[in-house]
Amino acid sequence: MERRELRTALHAAGVADGYYRIEGVHEPAPTPPDFLFLRKAPDGVWETGAYERGTYEVIARHPDEAAACAHLLRLLV
Protein backbone atom coordinates (compact mmCIF):
# COMPACT_ATOMS: atom_id res chain seq x y z
CA MET A 1 0.00 0.00 0.00
CA GLU A 2 1.20 3.50 -0.77
CA ARG A 3 0.07 6.84 0.68
CA ARG A 4 -2.75 7.53 -1.79
CA GLU A 5 -4.16 4.05 -1.27
CA LEU A 6 -3.94 4.59 2.50
CA ARG A 7 -5.90 7.84 2.18
CA THR A 8 -8.59 6.01 0.19
CA ALA A 9 -8.75 3.18 2.76
CA LEU A 10 -9.06 5.59 5.69
CA HIS A 11 -11.80 7.54 3.93
CA ALA A 12 -13.67 4.29 3.16
CA ALA A 13 -13.36 3.26 6.81
CA GLY A 14 -14.96 6.54 7.90
CA VAL A 15 -11.91 7.93 9.71
CA ALA A 16 -12.37 11.68 10.15
CA ASP A 17 -10.03 13.88 8.10
CA GLY A 18 -8.75 15.72 11.16
CA TYR A 19 -7.44 12.55 12.83
CA TYR A 20 -4.42 12.15 10.55
CA ARG A 21 -1.90 13.80 8.23
CA ILE A 22 -0.21 11.99 5.35
CA GLU A 23 2.67 13.99 3.97
CA GLY A 24 2.05 15.09 0.40
CA VAL A 25 -1.38 13.45 0.22
CA HIS A 26 -3.62 14.63 3.05
CA GLU A 27 -2.64 17.74 5.00
CA PRO A 28 -5.75 19.15 6.68
CA ALA A 29 -6.10 22.92 6.97
CA PRO A 30 -6.35 24.45 9.40
CA THR A 31 -3.99 22.15 11.23
CA PRO A 32 -5.85 20.20 13.93
CA PRO A 33 -4.53 20.47 17.52
CA ASP A 34 -3.59 16.78 17.55
CA PHE A 35 -3.42 13.99 14.97
CA LEU A 36 -1.48 10.93 13.85
CA PHE A 37 0.96 11.37 10.98
CA LEU A 38 2.99 9.61 8.31
CA ARG A 39 6.01 11.35 6.83
CA LYS A 40 9.38 10.71 5.22
CA ALA A 41 12.30 11.68 7.44
CA PRO A 42 15.34 13.52 6.05
CA ASP A 43 17.35 10.29 6.26
CA GLY A 44 14.88 8.54 3.92
CA VAL A 45 13.16 6.41 6.56
CA TRP A 46 9.37 6.61 6.90
CA GLU A 47 7.95 7.69 10.26
CA THR A 48 4.58 7.36 11.93
CA GLY A 49 3.71 9.23 15.06
CA ALA A 50 1.52 11.66 16.94
CA TYR A 51 1.34 15.44 16.88
CA GLU A 52 0.16 16.98 20.15
CA ARG A 53 0.43 20.49 21.54
CA GLY A 54 2.73 21.63 18.75
CA THR A 55 5.16 18.72 19.06
CA TYR A 56 5.74 15.80 16.70
CA GLU A 57 6.49 12.53 18.53
CA VAL A 58 7.69 9.64 16.38
CA ILE A 59 6.13 6.33 17.42
CA ALA A 60 7.88 4.12 14.85
CA ARG A 61 10.35 4.27 11.96
CA HIS A 62 9.81 2.06 8.92
CA PRO A 63 12.13 0.87 6.13
CA ASP A 64 9.60 1.62 3.39
CA GLU A 65 6.39 3.45 2.58
CA ALA A 66 4.26 0.28 2.59
CA ALA A 67 5.25 -0.62 6.15
CA ALA A 68 4.55 2.92 7.35
CA CYS A 69 1.14 2.96 5.64
CA ALA A 70 0.21 -0.39 7.19
CA HIS A 71 1.17 0.90 10.64
CA LEU A 72 -0.86 4.10 10.36
CA LEU A 73 -3.83 2.13 9.08
CA ARG A 74 -3.64 -0.18 12.14
CA LEU A 75 -3.46 2.84 14.45
CA LEU A 76 -6.55 4.48 12.97
CA VAL A 77 -8.91 1.62 12.10
PDB file of N, CA and C in Angstrom:
ATOM      1  N   MET A   1       0.854  -1.182   0.000  1.00  0.00           N
ATOM      2  CA  MET A   1       0.000   0.000   0.000  1.00  0.00           C
ATOM      3  C   MET A   1       0.897   1.241   0.000  1.00  0.00           C
ATOM      4  N   GLU A   2       0.488   2.224  -0.775  1.00  0.00           N
ATOM      5  CA  GLU A   2       1.203   3.505  -0.774  1.00  0.00           C
ATOM      6  C   GLU A   2       0.278   4.581  -0.185  1.00  0.00           C
ATOM      7  N   ARG A   3       0.799   5.790  -0.033  1.00  0.00           N
ATOM      8  CA  ARG A   3       0.072   6.845   0.681  1.00  0.00           C
ATOM      9  C   ARG A   3      -1.302   7.165   0.104  1.00  0.00           C
ATOM     10  N   ARG A   4      -1.435   7.209  -1.194  1.00  0.00           N
ATOM     11  CA  ARG A   4      -2.746   7.531  -1.791  1.00  0.00           C
ATOM     12  C   ARG A   4      -3.760   6.419  -1.529  1.00  0.00           C
ATOM     13  N   GLU A   5      -3.288   5.186  -1.588  1.00  0.00           N
ATOM     14  CA  GLU A   5      -4.165   4.053  -1.268  1.00  0.00           C
ATOM     15  C   GLU A   5      -4.569   4.072   0.204  1.00  0.00           C
ATOM     16  N   LEU A   6      -3.635   4.462   1.066  1.00  0.00           N
ATOM     17  CA  LEU A   6      -3.943   4.586   2.496  1.00  0.00           C
ATOM     18  C   LEU A   6      -5.024   5.633   2.709  1.00  0.00           C
ATOM     19  N   ARG A   7      -4.895   6.766   2.059  1.00  0.00           N
ATOM     20  CA  ARG A   7      -5.904   7.835   2.181  1.00  0.00           C
ATOM     21  C   ARG A   7      -7.273   7.314   1.764  1.00  0.00           C
ATOM     22  N   THR A   8      -7.340   6.586   0.673  1.00  0.00           N
ATOM     23  CA  THR A   8      -8.594   6.011   0.195  1.00  0.00           C
ATOM     24  C   THR A   8      -9.157   5.022   1.210  1.00  0.00           C
ATOM     25  N   ALA A   9      -8.307   4.178   1.775  1.00  0.00           N
ATOM     26  CA  ALA A   9      -8.747   3.183   2.755  1.00  0.00           C
ATOM     27  C   ALA A   9      -9.273   3.853   4.027  1.00  0.00           C
ATOM     28  N   LEU A  10      -8.607   4.894   4.477  1.00  0.00           N
ATOM     29  CA  LEU A  10      -9.059   5.592   5.686  1.00  0.00           C
ATOM     30  C   LEU A  10     -10.400   6.290   5.449  1.00  0.00           C
ATOM     31  N   HIS A  11     -10.534   6.891   4.276  1.00  0.00           N
ATOM     32  CA  HIS A  11     -11.797   7.543   3.926  1.00  0.00           C
ATOM     33  C   HIS A  11     -12.926   6.507   3.881  1.00  0.00           C
ATOM     34  N   ALA A  12     -12.666   5.354   3.253  1.00  0.00           N
ATOM     35  CA  ALA A  12     -13.673   4.291   3.155  1.00  0.00           C
ATOM     36  C   ALA A  12     -14.049   3.742   4.525  1.00  0.00           C
ATOM     37  N   ALA A  13     -13.100   3.755   5.454  1.00  0.00           N
ATOM     38  CA  ALA A  13     -13.364   3.256   6.806  1.00  0.00           C
ATOM     39  C   ALA A  13     -14.069   4.292   7.680  1.00  0.00           C
ATOM     40  N   GLY A  14     -14.252   5.500   7.154  1.00  0.00           N
ATOM     41  CA  GLY A  14     -14.959   6.537   7.898  1.00  0.00           C
ATOM     42  C   GLY A  14     -14.113   7.283   8.915  1.00  0.00           C
ATOM     43  N   VAL A  15     -12.796   7.218   8.788  1.00  0.00           N
ATOM     44  CA  VAL A  15     -11.911   7.933   9.708  1.00  0.00           C
ATOM     45  C   VAL A  15     -11.969   9.423   9.369  1.00  0.00           C
ATOM     46  N   ALA A  16     -12.243  10.234  10.359  1.00  0.00           N
ATOM     47  CA  ALA A  16     -12.374  11.679  10.151  1.00  0.00           C
ATOM     48  C   ALA A  16     -11.069  12.296   9.639  1.00  0.00           C
ATOM     49  N   ASP A  17     -11.194  13.237   8.712  1.00  0.00           N
ATOM     50  CA  ASP A  17     -10.026  13.878   8.096  1.00  0.00           C
ATOM     51  C   ASP A  17      -9.074  14.519   9.102  1.00  0.00           C
ATOM     52  N   GLY A  18      -9.579  15.041  10.186  1.00  0.00           N
ATOM     53  CA  GLY A  18      -8.748  15.724  11.162  1.00  0.00           C
ATOM     54  C   GLY A  18      -7.953  14.814  12.072  1.00  0.00           C
ATOM     55  N   TYR A  19      -8.138  13.502  11.957  1.00  0.00           N
ATOM     56  CA  TYR A  19      -7.441  12.552  12.829  1.00  0.00           C
ATOM     57  C   TYR A  19      -6.041  12.209  12.347  1.00  0.00           C
ATOM     58  N   TYR A  20      -5.701  12.577  11.104  1.00  0.00           N
ATOM     59  CA  TYR A  20      -4.418  12.155  10.552  1.00  0.00           C
ATOM     60  C   TYR A  20      -3.897  13.130   9.507  1.00  0.00           C
ATOM     61  N   ARG A  21      -2.591  13.027   9.272  1.00  0.00           N
ATOM     62  CA  ARG A  21      -1.902  13.800   8.230  1.00  0.00           C
ATOM     63  C   ARG A  21      -0.978  12.848   7.496  1.00  0.00           C
ATOM     64  N   ILE A  22      -1.075  12.815   6.188  1.00  0.00           N
ATOM     65  CA  ILE A  22      -0.210  11.988   5.345  1.00  0.00           C
ATOM     66  C   ILE A  22       0.558  12.947   4.457  1.00  0.00           C
ATOM     67  N   GLU A  23       1.832  13.033   4.689  1.00  0.00           N
ATOM     68  CA  GLU A  23       2.675  13.985   3.970  1.00  0.00           C
ATOM     69  C   GLU A  23       2.489  13.886   2.455  1.00  0.00           C
ATOM     70  N   GLY A  24       2.189  15.016   1.842  1.00  0.00           N
ATOM     71  CA  GLY A  24       2.052  15.089   0.399  1.00  0.00           C
ATOM     72  C   GLY A  24       0.740  14.576  -0.164  1.00  0.00           C
ATOM     73  N   VAL A  25      -0.117  14.034   0.686  1.00  0.00           N
ATOM     74  CA  VAL A  25      -1.376  13.450   0.219  1.00  0.00           C
ATOM     75  C   VAL A  25      -2.579  14.032   0.941  1.00  0.00           C
ATOM     76  N   HIS A  26      -2.500  14.114   2.251  1.00  0.00           N
ATOM     77  CA  HIS A  26      -3.617  14.629   3.046  1.00  0.00           C
ATOM     78  C   HIS A  26      -3.040  15.482   4.168  1.00  0.00           C
ATOM     79  N   GLU A  27      -3.163  16.792   4.020  1.00  0.00           N
ATOM     80  CA  GLU A  27      -2.642  17.737   4.999  1.00  0.00           C
ATOM     81  C   GLU A  27      -3.764  18.703   5.357  1.00  0.00           C
ATOM     82  N   PRO A  28      -4.573  18.351   6.361  1.00  0.00           N
ATOM     83  CA  PRO A  28      -5.755  19.153   6.679  1.00  0.00           C
ATOM     84  C   PRO A  28      -5.412  20.594   7.070  1.00  0.00           C
ATOM     85  N   ALA A  29      -6.268  21.512   6.628  1.00  0.00           N
ATOM     86  CA  ALA A  29      -6.105  22.921   6.970  1.00  0.00           C
ATOM     87  C   ALA A  29      -7.454  23.454   7.442  1.00  0.00           C
ATOM     88  N   PRO A  30      -7.487  24.139   8.533  1.00  0.00           N
ATOM     89  CA  PRO A  30      -6.353  24.453   9.397  1.00  0.00           C
ATOM     90  C   PRO A  30      -5.830  23.196  10.096  1.00  0.00           C
ATOM     91  N   THR A  31      -4.608  23.290  10.559  1.00  0.00           N
ATOM     92  CA  THR A  31      -3.985  22.153  11.229  1.00  0.00           C
ATOM     93  C   THR A  31      -4.726  21.840  12.521  1.00  0.00           C
ATOM     94  N   PRO A  32      -5.171  20.581  12.691  1.00  0.00           N
ATOM     95  CA  PRO A  32      -5.847  20.198  13.932  1.00  0.00           C
ATOM     96  C   PRO A  32      -4.883  20.282  15.123  1.00  0.00           C
ATOM     97  N   PRO A  33      -5.399  20.370  16.350  1.00  0.00           N
ATOM     98  CA  PRO A  33      -4.529  20.469  17.521  1.00  0.00           C
ATOM     99  C   PRO A  33      -3.755  19.180  17.808  1.00  0.00           C
ATOM    100  N   ASP A  34      -4.297  18.047  17.382  1.00  0.00           N
ATOM    101  CA  ASP A  34      -3.591  16.780  17.549  1.00  0.00           C
ATOM    102  C   ASP A  34      -4.043  15.797  16.474  1.00  0.00           C
ATOM    103  N   PHE A  35      -3.117  14.954  16.027  1.00  0.00           N
ATOM    104  CA  PHE A  35      -3.418  13.991  14.972  1.00  0.00           C
ATOM    105  C   PHE A  35      -2.276  12.986  14.873  1.00  0.00           C
ATOM    106  N   LEU A  36      -2.524  11.887  14.181  1.00  0.00           N
ATOM    107  CA  LEU A  36      -1.476  10.926  13.851  1.00  0.00           C
ATOM    108  C   LEU A  36      -0.914  11.299  12.483  1.00  0.00           C
ATOM    109  N   PHE A  37       0.351  10.961  12.247  1.00  0.00           N
ATOM    110  CA  PHE A  37       0.964  11.367  10.983  1.00  0.00           C
ATOM    111  C   PHE A  37       1.811  10.265  10.373  1.00  0.00           C
ATOM    112  N   LEU A  38       2.059  10.432   9.080  1.00  0.00           N
ATOM    113  CA  LEU A  38       2.986   9.607   8.308  1.00  0.00           C
ATOM    114  C   LEU A  38       3.819  10.581   7.487  1.00  0.00           C
ATOM    115  N   ARG A  39       5.142  10.446   7.576  1.00  0.00           N
ATOM    116  CA  ARG A  39       6.012  11.350   6.833  1.00  0.00           C
ATOM    117  C   ARG A  39       7.336  10.656   6.526  1.00  0.00           C
ATOM    118  N   LYS A  40       8.050  11.219   5.560  1.00  0.00           N
ATOM    119  CA  LYS A  40       9.379  10.715   5.217  1.00  0.00           C
ATOM    120  C   LYS A  40      10.410  11.589   5.915  1.00  0.00           C
ATOM    121  N   ALA A  41      11.266  10.958   6.688  1.00  0.00           N
ATOM    122  CA  ALA A  41      12.296  11.681   7.436  1.00  0.00           C
ATOM    123  C   ALA A  41      13.430  12.098   6.492  1.00  0.00           C
ATOM    124  N   PRO A  42      14.224  13.078   6.888  1.00  0.00           N
ATOM    125  CA  PRO A  42      15.340  13.524   6.053  1.00  0.00           C
ATOM    126  C   PRO A  42      16.331  12.406   5.694  1.00  0.00           C
ATOM    127  N   ASP A  43      16.425  11.391   6.540  1.00  0.00           N
ATOM    128  CA  ASP A  43      17.353  10.291   6.258  1.00  0.00           C
ATOM    129  C   ASP A  43      16.748   9.222   5.352  1.00  0.00           C
ATOM    130  N   GLY A  44      15.509   9.454   4.859  1.00  0.00           N
ATOM    131  CA  GLY A  44      14.876   8.541   3.920  1.00  0.00           C
ATOM    132  C   GLY A  44      14.005   7.472   4.540  1.00  0.00           C
ATOM    133  N   VAL A  45      13.989   7.383   5.855  1.00  0.00           N
ATOM    134  CA  VAL A  45      13.161   6.410   6.560  1.00  0.00           C
ATOM    135  C   VAL A  45      11.761   7.002   6.736  1.00  0.00           C
ATOM    136  N   TRP A  46      10.749   6.158   6.695  1.00  0.00           N
ATOM    137  CA  TRP A  46       9.372   6.610   6.899  1.00  0.00           C
ATOM    138  C   TRP A  46       9.041   6.575   8.375  1.00  0.00           C
ATOM    139  N   GLU A  47       8.318   7.589   8.848  1.00  0.00           N
ATOM    140  CA  GLU A  47       7.953   7.690  10.262  1.00  0.00           C
ATOM    141  C   GLU A  47       6.444   7.780  10.427  1.00  0.00           C
ATOM    142  N   THR A  48       5.953   7.170  11.490  1.00  0.00           N
ATOM    143  CA  THR A  48       4.579   7.363  11.932  1.00  0.00           C
ATOM    144  C   THR A  48       4.656   7.873  13.359  1.00  0.00           C
ATOM    145  N   GLY A  49       3.671   8.683  13.726  1.00  0.00           N
ATOM    146  CA  GLY A  49       3.707   9.230  15.063  1.00  0.00           C
ATOM    147  C   GLY A  49       2.482  10.054  15.380  1.00  0.00           C
ATOM    148  N   ALA A  50       2.614  10.822  16.466  1.00  0.00           N
ATOM    149  CA  ALA A  50       1.519  11.656  16.940  1.00  0.00           C
ATOM    150  C   ALA A  50       1.986  13.100  17.066  1.00  0.00           C
ATOM    151  N   TYR A  51       1.101  14.010  16.721  1.00  0.00           N
ATOM    152  CA  TYR A  51       1.336  15.440  16.881  1.00  0.00           C
ATOM    153  C   TYR A  51       0.399  15.903  17.985  1.00  0.00           C
ATOM    154  N   GLU A  52       0.962  16.464  19.040  1.00  0.00           N
ATOM    155  CA  GLU A  52       0.165  16.979  20.150  1.00  0.00           C
ATOM    156  C   GLU A  52       0.806  18.239  20.686  1.00  0.00           C
ATOM    157  N   ARG A  53      -0.025  19.239  20.916  1.00  0.00           N
ATOM    158  CA  ARG A  53       0.431  20.489  21.538  1.00  0.00           C
ATOM    159  C   ARG A  53       1.658  21.073  20.849  1.00  0.00           C
ATOM    160  N   GLY A  54       1.656  21.025  19.510  1.00  0.00           N
ATOM    161  CA  GLY A  54       2.728  21.634  18.750  1.00  0.00           C
ATOM    162  C   GLY A  54       4.004  20.816  18.642  1.00  0.00           C
ATOM    163  N   THR A  55       3.964  19.563  19.077  1.00  0.00           N
ATOM    164  CA  THR A  55       5.157  18.721  19.065  1.00  0.00           C
ATOM    165  C   THR A  55       4.900  17.420  18.312  1.00  0.00           C
ATOM    166  N   TYR A  56       5.802  17.086  17.403  1.00  0.00           N
ATOM    167  CA  TYR A  56       5.741  15.799  16.703  1.00  0.00           C
ATOM    168  C   TYR A  56       6.492  14.759  17.536  1.00  0.00           C
ATOM    169  N   GLU A  57       5.848  13.627  17.815  1.00  0.00           N
ATOM    170  CA  GLU A  57       6.493  12.528  18.526  1.00  0.00           C
ATOM    171  C   GLU A  57       6.447  11.286  17.637  1.00  0.00           C
ATOM    172  N   VAL A  58       7.608  10.819  17.238  1.00  0.00           N
ATOM    173  CA  VAL A  58       7.695   9.644  16.377  1.00  0.00           C
ATOM    174  C   VAL A  58       7.418   8.399  17.220  1.00  0.00           C
ATOM    175  N   ILE A  59       6.467   7.591  16.759  1.00  0.00           N
ATOM    176  CA  ILE A  59       6.132   6.329  17.423  1.00  0.00           C
ATOM    177  C   ILE A  59       6.980   5.202  16.841  1.00  0.00           C
ATOM    178  N   ALA A  60       7.135   5.191  15.510  1.00  0.00           N
ATOM    179  CA  ALA A  60       7.881   4.120  14.846  1.00  0.00           C
ATOM    180  C   ALA A  60       8.540   4.640  13.575  1.00  0.00           C
ATOM    181  N   ARG A  61       9.650   3.993  13.221  1.00  0.00           N
ATOM    182  CA  ARG A  61      10.355   4.268  11.955  1.00  0.00           C
ATOM    183  C   ARG A  61      10.269   3.007  11.114  1.00  0.00           C
ATOM    184  N   HIS A  62      10.066   3.187   9.811  1.00  0.00           N
ATOM    185  CA  HIS A  62       9.814   2.060   8.917  1.00  0.00           C
ATOM    186  C   HIS A  62      10.767   2.091   7.730  1.00  0.00           C
ATOM    187  N   PRO A  63      11.171   0.911   7.235  1.00  0.00           N
ATOM    188  CA  PRO A  63      12.125   0.866   6.128  1.00  0.00           C
ATOM    189  C   PRO A  63      11.542   1.294   4.786  1.00  0.00           C
ATOM    190  N   ASP A  64      10.199   1.249   4.667  1.00  0.00           N
ATOM    191  CA  ASP A  64       9.597   1.624   3.391  1.00  0.00           C
ATOM    192  C   ASP A  64       8.193   2.204   3.600  1.00  0.00           C
ATOM    193  N   GLU A  65       7.690   2.795   2.548  1.00  0.00           N
ATOM    194  CA  GLU A  65       6.385   3.453   2.576  1.00  0.00           C
ATOM    195  C   GLU A  65       5.258   2.471   2.910  1.00  0.00           C
ATOM    196  N   ALA A  66       5.318   1.271   2.357  1.00  0.00           N
ATOM    197  CA  ALA A  66       4.261   0.275   2.588  1.00  0.00           C
ATOM    198  C   ALA A  66       4.146  -0.089   4.062  1.00  0.00           C
ATOM    199  N   ALA A  67       5.268  -0.278   4.728  1.00  0.00           N
ATOM    200  CA  ALA A  67       5.245  -0.624   6.155  1.00  0.00           C
ATOM    201  C   ALA A  67       4.684   0.528   6.983  1.00  0.00           C
ATOM    202  N   ALA A  68       5.051   1.750   6.630  1.00  0.00           N
ATOM    203  CA  ALA A  68       4.547   2.920   7.350  1.00  0.00           C
ATOM    204  C   ALA A  68       3.042   3.077   7.145  1.00  0.00           C
ATOM    205  N   CYS A  69       2.573   2.866   5.925  1.00  0.00           N
ATOM    206  CA  CYS A  69       1.143   2.961   5.641  1.00  0.00           C
ATOM    207  C   CYS A  69       0.363   1.909   6.426  1.00  0.00           C
ATOM    208  N   ALA A  70       0.879   0.692   6.448  1.00  0.00           N
ATOM    209  CA  ALA A  70       0.213  -0.385   7.186  1.00  0.00           C
ATOM    210  C   ALA A  70       0.121  -0.042   8.672  1.00  0.00           C
ATOM    211  N   HIS A  71       1.171   0.541   9.223  1.00  0.00           N
ATOM    212  CA  HIS A  71       1.174   0.901  10.641  1.00  0.00           C
ATOM    213  C   HIS A  71       0.148   1.990  10.935  1.00  0.00           C
ATOM    214  N   LEU A  72       0.112   3.029  10.122  1.00  0.00           N
ATOM    215  CA  LEU A  72      -0.859   4.104  10.359  1.00  0.00           C
ATOM    216  C   LEU A  72      -2.279   3.577  10.210  1.00  0.00           C
ATOM    217  N   LEU A  73      -2.502   2.718   9.261  1.00  0.00           N
ATOM    218  CA  LEU A  73      -3.830   2.129   9.085  1.00  0.00           C
ATOM    219  C   LEU A  73      -4.242   1.354  10.345  1.00  0.00           C
ATOM    220  N   ARG A  74      -3.336   0.568  10.893  1.00  0.00           N
ATOM    221  CA  ARG A  74      -3.635  -0.176  12.139  1.00  0.00           C
ATOM    222  C   ARG A  74      -3.939   0.770  13.296  1.00  0.00           C
ATOM    223  N   LEU A  75      -3.239   1.880  13.361  1.00  0.00           N
ATOM    224  CA  LEU A  75      -3.457   2.841  14.447  1.00  0.00           C
ATOM    225  C   LEU A  75      -4.822   3.508  14.366  1.00  0.00           C
ATOM    226  N   LEU A  76      -5.319   3.706  13.152  1.00  0.00           N
ATOM    227  CA  LEU A  76      -6.548   4.485  12.968  1.00  0.00           C
ATOM    228  C   LEU A  76      -7.823   3.671  12.766  1.00  0.00           C
ATOM    229  N   VAL A  77      -7.697   2.416  12.381  1.00  0.00           N
ATOM    230  CA  VAL A  77      -8.914   1.621  12.098  1.00  0.00           C
ATOM    231  C   VAL A  77      -9.101   0.559  13.161  1.00  0.00           C
TER     232      VAL A  77
END
